[in-house]
C-alpha atoms as a PDB file:
ATOM      1  CA  UNK A   1     -43.752 126.883  82.568  1.00  0.00           C
ATOM      2  CA  UNK A   2     -41.988 129.881  81.038  1.00  0.00           C
ATOM      3  CA  UNK A   3     -40.075 132.330  83.241  1.00  0.00           C
ATOM      4  CA  UNK A   4     -41.779 135.437  84.588  1.00  0.00           C
ATOM      5  CA  UNK A   5     -40.079 137.792  82.165  1.00  0.00           C
ATOM      6  CA  UNK A   6     -41.250 135.686  79.198  1.00  0.00           C
ATOM      7  CA  UNK A   7     -44.808 135.562  80.571  1.00  0.00           C
ATOM      8  CA  UNK A   8     -44.819 139.372  81.063  1.00  0.00           C
ATOM      9  CA  UNK A   9     -43.524 139.899  77.528  1.00  0.00           C
ATOM     10  CA  UNK A  10     -46.088 137.509  76.030  1.00  0.00           C
ATOM     11  CA  UNK A  11     -48.795 139.250  78.018  1.00  0.00           C
ATOM     12  CA  UNK A  12     -47.655 142.665  76.767  1.00  0.00           C
ATOM     13  CA  UNK A  13     -47.603 141.472  73.138  1.00  0.00           C
ATOM     14  CA  UNK A  14     -50.938 139.699  73.441  1.00  0.00           C
ATOM     15  CA  UNK A  15     -52.657 142.765  74.904  1.00  0.00           C
ATOM     16  CA  UNK A  16     -51.073 145.145  72.367  1.00  0.00           C
ATOM     17  CA  UNK A  17     -52.195 142.880  69.503  1.00  0.00           C
ATOM     18  CA  UNK A  18     -55.609 142.703  71.064  1.00  0.00           C
ATOM     19  CA  UNK A  19     -55.869 146.499  70.967  1.00  0.00           C
ATOM     20  CA  UNK A  20     -55.068 146.419  67.248  1.00  0.00           C
ATOM     21  CA  UNK A  21     -57.503 143.598  66.445  1.00  0.00           C
ATOM     22  CA  UNK A  22     -60.299 142.934  68.927  1.00  0.00           C
ATOM     23  CA  UNK A  23     -60.647 146.457  70.438  1.00  0.00           C
ATOM     24  CA  UNK A  24     -60.432 148.269  67.139  1.00  0.00           C
ATOM     25  CA  UNK A  25     -62.872 145.828  65.538  1.00  0.00           C
ATOM     26  CA  UNK A  26     -65.557 146.696  68.139  1.00  0.00           C
ATOM     27  CA  UNK A  27     -64.519 150.347  67.893  1.00  0.00           C
ATOM     28  CA  UNK A  28     -65.031 150.209  64.130  1.00  0.00           C
ATOM     29  CA  UNK A  29     -68.353 148.427  64.504  1.00  0.00           C
ATOM     30  CA  UNK A  30     -69.642 151.107  66.894  1.00  0.00           C
ATOM     31  CA  UNK A  31     -68.410 153.747  64.480  1.00  0.00           C
ATOM     32  CA  UNK A  32     -70.163 152.091  61.538  1.00  0.00           C
ATOM     33  CA  UNK A  33     -73.409 151.629  63.451  1.00  0.00           C
ATOM     34  CA  UNK A  34     -73.334 155.229  64.613  1.00  0.00           C
ATOM     35  CA  UNK A  35     -75.833 154.607  67.401  1.00  0.00           C
ATOM     36  CA  UNK A  36     -76.668 157.733  69.411  1.00  0.00           C
ATOM     37  CA  UNK A  37     -74.433 157.811  72.504  1.00  0.00           C
ATOM     38  CA  UNK A  38     -72.468 154.733  71.482  1.00  0.00           C
ATOM     39  CA  UNK A  39     -70.799 156.011  68.317  1.00  0.00           C
ATOM     40  CA  UNK A  40     -67.043 156.314  68.403  1.00  0.00           C
ATOM     41  CA  UNK A  41     -64.620 158.176  66.178  1.00  0.00           C
ATOM     42  CA  UNK A  42     -62.903 156.365  63.299  1.00  0.00           C
ATOM     43  CA  UNK A  43     -60.943 153.299  64.355  1.00  0.00           C
ATOM     44  CA  UNK A  44     -57.167 153.559  64.713  1.00  0.00           C
ATOM     45  CA  UNK A  45     -57.258 157.184  65.942  1.00  0.00           C
ATOM     46  CA  UNK A  46     -54.040 159.163  65.602  1.00  0.00           C
ATOM     47  CA  UNK A  47     -55.006 162.280  67.514  1.00  0.00           C
ATOM     48  CA  UNK A  48     -52.310 163.186  70.121  1.00  0.00           C
ATOM     49  CA  UNK A  49     -52.885 162.195  73.730  1.00  0.00           C
ATOM     50  CA  UNK A  50     -51.824 164.442  76.581  1.00  0.00           C
ATOM     51  CA  UNK A  51     -49.191 164.676  78.145  1.00  0.00           C
ATOM     52  CA  UNK A  52     -46.643 163.181  75.716  1.00  0.00           C
ATOM     53  CA  UNK A  53     -48.483 163.725  72.378  1.00  0.00           C
ATOM     54  CA  UNK A  54     -48.388 160.052  71.358  1.00  0.00           C
ATOM     55  CA  UNK A  55     -51.014 158.992  68.800  1.00  0.00           C
ATOM     56  CA  UNK A  56     -54.019 157.528  70.627  1.00  0.00           C
ATOM     57  CA  UNK A  57     -53.642 154.095  69.027  1.00  0.00           C
ATOM     58  CA  UNK A  58     -50.040 153.877  70.179  1.00  0.00           C
ATOM     59  CA  UNK A  59     -51.013 155.097  73.654  1.00  0.00           C
ATOM     60  CA  UNK A  60     -53.749 152.459  73.827  1.00  0.00           C
ATOM     61  CA  UNK A  61     -51.276 149.777  72.782  1.00  0.00           C
ATOM     62  CA  UNK A  62     -48.806 150.793  75.448  1.00  0.00           C
ATOM     63  CA  UNK A  63     -51.395 151.016  78.239  1.00  0.00           C
ATOM     64  CA  UNK A  64     -53.029 147.799  77.135  1.00  0.00           C
ATOM     65  CA  UNK A  65     -49.617 146.126  76.994  1.00  0.00           C
ATOM     66  CA  UNK A  66     -48.835 147.143  80.528  1.00  0.00           C
ATOM     67  CA  UNK A  67     -52.082 145.626  81.753  1.00  0.00           C
ATOM     68  CA  UNK A  68     -51.352 142.568  79.607  1.00  0.00           C
ATOM     69  CA  UNK A  69     -47.924 142.153  81.146  1.00  0.00           C
ATOM     70  CA  UNK A  70     -49.497 141.985  84.582  1.00  0.00           C
ATOM     71  CA  UNK A  71     -52.092 139.592  83.186  1.00  0.00           C
ATOM     72  CA  UNK A  72     -49.354 137.404  81.770  1.00  0.00           C
ATOM     73  CA  UNK A  73     -47.613 137.269  85.137  1.00  0.00           C
ATOM     74  CA  UNK A  74     -50.763 136.073  86.974  1.00  0.00           C
ATOM     75  CA  UNK A  75     -52.094 133.836  84.173  1.00  0.00           C
ATOM     76  CA  UNK A  76     -50.560 130.601  85.442  1.00  0.00           C
ATOM     77  CA  UNK A  77     -52.399 131.031  88.735  1.00  0.00           C
ATOM     78  CA  UNK A  78     -55.800 131.498  87.118  1.00  0.00           C
ATOM     79  CA  UNK A  79     -58.144 128.514  86.829  1.00  0.00           C
ATOM     80  CA  UNK A  80     -60.410 128.329  83.811  1.00  0.00           C
ATOM     81  CA  UNK A  81     -60.212 129.794  80.320  1.00  0.00           C
ATOM     82  CA  UNK A  82     -58.040 132.877  79.955  1.00  0.00           C
ATOM     83  CA  UNK A  83     -60.585 134.688  77.803  1.00  0.00           C
ATOM     84  CA  UNK A  84     -62.989 134.814  80.804  1.00  0.00           C
ATOM     85  CA  UNK A  85     -60.260 136.305  82.961  1.00  0.00           C
ATOM     86  CA  UNK A  86     -59.405 138.611  80.099  1.00  0.00           C
ATOM     87  CA  UNK A  87     -63.025 139.817  80.074  1.00  0.00           C
ATOM     88  CA  UNK A  88     -62.774 140.462  83.787  1.00  0.00           C
ATOM     89  CA  UNK A  89     -59.627 142.473  83.172  1.00  0.00           C
ATOM     90  CA  UNK A  90     -61.396 144.438  80.469  1.00  0.00           C
ATOM     91  CA  UNK A  91     -64.264 145.231  82.812  1.00  0.00           C
ATOM     92  CA  UNK A  92     -61.811 146.394  85.486  1.00  0.00           C
ATOM     93  CA  UNK A  93     -60.008 148.598  82.961  1.00  0.00           C
ATOM     94  CA  UNK A  94     -63.353 150.075  81.744  1.00  0.00           C
ATOM     95  CA  UNK A  95     -64.423 150.916  85.257  1.00  0.00           C
ATOM     96  CA  UNK A  96     -61.028 152.430  86.008  1.00  0.00           C
ATOM     97  CA  UNK A  97     -61.254 154.452  82.825  1.00  0.00           C
ATOM     98  CA  UNK A  98     -64.701 155.777  83.816  1.00  0.00           C
ATOM     99  CA  UNK A  99     -64.042 156.401  87.490  1.00  0.00           C
ATOM    100  CA  UNK A 100     -60.363 156.595  88.471  1.00  0.00           C
ATOM    101  CA  UNK A 101     -58.953 158.330  85.400  1.00  0.00           C
ATOM    102  CA  UNK A 102     -61.333 161.294  85.336  1.00  0.00           C
ATOM    103  CA  UNK A 103     -61.088 161.667  89.120  1.00  0.00           C
ATOM    104  CA  UNK A 104     -57.331 161.934  88.847  1.00  0.00           C
ATOM    105  CA  UNK A 105     -57.632 164.410  86.005  1.00  0.00           C
ATOM    106  CA  UNK A 106     -60.255 166.455  87.924  1.00  0.00           C
ATOM    107  CA  UNK A 107     -63.097 165.735  85.516  1.00  0.00           C
ATOM    108  CA  UNK A 108     -66.596 164.586  86.282  1.00  0.00           C
ATOM    109  CA  UNK A 109     -66.804 160.859  86.713  1.00  0.00           C
ATOM    110  CA  UNK A 110     -67.995 159.263  83.452  1.00  0.00           C
ATOM    111  CA  UNK A 111     -67.669 162.464  81.469  1.00  0.00           C
ATOM    112  CA  UNK A 112     -64.010 162.975  80.564  1.00  0.00           C
ATOM    113  CA  UNK A 113     -64.539 166.307  78.865  1.00  0.00           C
ATOM    114  CA  UNK A 114     -66.147 168.237  81.757  1.00  0.00           C
ATOM    115  CA  UNK A 115     -63.830 170.158  84.083  1.00  0.00           C
ATOM    116  CA  UNK A 116     -64.176 169.966  87.846  1.00  0.00           C
ATOM    117  CA  UNK A 117     -65.237 173.624  88.015  1.00  0.00           C
ATOM    118  CA  UNK A 118     -68.098 173.058  85.542  1.00  0.00           C
ATOM    119  CA  UNK A 119     -69.135 169.941  87.466  1.00  0.00           C
ATOM    120  CA  UNK A 120     -69.168 171.721  90.823  1.00  0.00           C
ATOM    121  CA  UNK A 121     -71.151 174.649  89.294  1.00  0.00           C
ATOM    122  CA  UNK A 122     -73.768 172.203  87.939  1.00  0.00           C
ATOM    123  CA  UNK A 123     -73.907 170.409  91.264  1.00  0.00           C
ATOM    124  CA  UNK A 124     -74.356 173.708  93.146  1.00  0.00           C
ATOM    125  CA  UNK A 125     -77.215 174.733  90.925  1.00  0.00           C
ATOM    126  CA  UNK A 126     -78.808 171.298  91.281  1.00  0.00           C
ATOM    127  CA  UNK A 127     -78.557 171.322  95.075  1.00  0.00           C
ATOM    128  CA  UNK A 128     -79.641 174.950  95.363  1.00  0.00           C
ATOM    129  CA  UNK A 129     -82.554 175.060  92.977  1.00  0.00           C
ATOM    130  CA  UNK A 130     -83.446 171.448  92.436  1.00  0.00           C
ATOM    131  CA  UNK A 131     -83.262 171.737  88.666  1.00  0.00           C
ATOM    132  CA  UNK A 132     -83.259 168.487  86.710  1.00  0.00           C
ATOM    133  CA  UNK A 133     -79.668 168.434  85.410  1.00  0.00           C
ATOM    134  CA  UNK A 134     -79.714 165.094  83.607  1.00  0.00           C
ATOM    135  CA  UNK A 135     -77.052 164.316  81.024  1.00  0.00           C
ATOM    136  CA  UNK A 136     -79.589 162.699  78.656  1.00  0.00           C
ATOM    137  CA  UNK A 137     -78.269 159.269  79.416  1.00  0.00           C
ATOM    138  CA  UNK A 138     -74.599 160.164  78.807  1.00  0.00           C
ATOM    139  CA  UNK A 139     -73.087 158.245  81.736  1.00  0.00           C
ATOM    140  CA  UNK A 140     -74.836 154.840  81.075  1.00  0.00           C
ATOM    141  CA  UNK A 141     -73.974 155.048  77.371  1.00  0.00           C
ATOM    142  CA  UNK A 142     -70.373 155.994  78.065  1.00  0.00           C
ATOM    143  CA  UNK A 143     -70.174 153.055  80.481  1.00  0.00           C
ATOM    144  CA  UNK A 144     -71.738 150.699  77.881  1.00  0.00           C
ATOM    145  CA  UNK A 145     -69.294 151.864  75.211  1.00  0.00           C
ATOM    146  CA  UNK A 146     -66.318 151.450  77.543  1.00  0.00           C
ATOM    147  CA  UNK A 147     -67.482 147.957  78.616  1.00  0.00           C
ATOM    148  CA  UNK A 148     -67.948 146.874  74.982  1.00  0.00           C
ATOM    149  CA  UNK A 149     -64.628 148.173  73.724  1.00  0.00           C
ATOM    150  CA  UNK A 150     -62.494 147.216  76.746  1.00  0.00           C
ATOM    151  CA  UNK A 151     -64.315 143.928  77.224  1.00  0.00           C
ATOM    152  CA  UNK A 152     -63.508 142.922  73.651  1.00  0.00           C
ATOM    153  CA  UNK A 153     -59.876 143.975  74.281  1.00  0.00           C
ATOM    154  CA  UNK A 154     -59.723 141.770  77.371  1.00  0.00           C
ATOM    155  CA  UNK A 155     -61.236 138.777  75.615  1.00  0.00           C
ATOM    156  CA  UNK A 156     -58.780 139.216  72.786  1.00  0.00           C
ATOM    157  CA  UNK A 157     -55.852 139.476  75.212  1.00  0.00           C
ATOM    158  CA  UNK A 158     -56.926 136.269  76.906  1.00  0.00           C
ATOM    159  CA  UNK A 159     -57.438 134.406  73.625  1.00  0.00           C
ATOM    160  CA  UNK A 160     -54.076 135.541  72.200  1.00  0.00           C
ATOM    161  CA  UNK A 161     -52.223 134.820  75.460  1.00  0.00           C
ATOM    162  CA  UNK A 162     -53.806 131.377  75.625  1.00  0.00           C
ATOM    163  CA  UNK A 163     -52.672 130.605  72.052  1.00  0.00           C
ATOM    164  CA  UNK A 164     -49.114 131.853  72.533  1.00  0.00           C
ATOM    165  CA  UNK A 165     -48.764 130.346  75.973  1.00  0.00           C
ATOM    166  CA  UNK A 166     -49.834 126.907  74.792  1.00  0.00           C
ATOM    167  CA  UNK A 167     -47.312 127.012  71.894  1.00  0.00           C
ATOM    168  CA  UNK A 168     -44.567 128.030  74.310  1.00  0.00           C
ATOM    169  CA  UNK A 169     -45.472 125.168  76.675  1.00  0.00           C
ATOM    170  CA  UNK A 170     -45.243 122.732  73.776  1.00  0.00           C
ATOM    171  CA  UNK A 171     -41.707 123.876  72.963  1.00  0.00           C
ATOM    172  CA  UNK A 172     -40.352 123.537  76.497  1.00  0.00           C
END
């Protein structure tokens, strides 16, 4: 069994490669299909991400790599195929992206572009007047998109880590 630092490095690399291959393949497929509510921007986005201004694809590789490093550390303790555990990791990341991230950034849960003030105003109107304030299915579609993209990333990280980990075990 490789040492912990090697497993973390392999997990980081596997997850970063999975962002560039598996995640961007699903991202590109959703972009090409252009389904209402599921469409994504062009794959390999280079728009700057707050707060450091890194290109989005590099930011995704770094964040995915950090999750992959943790995944690489716990991988020897997991029973069963790593792609299944990778899918579970992708689902956890998708849920965190939909719930935890926007809550920390003071946005409405599931709608990363709405400020807390706008959300509370809408909620006040809804509670005061009982108006139907539906988002036309925005939250379920955002969740489906996140689960598809991050799930593919997790599966890819598990597949790549399993392939690199088995080669490393053969050498030692």
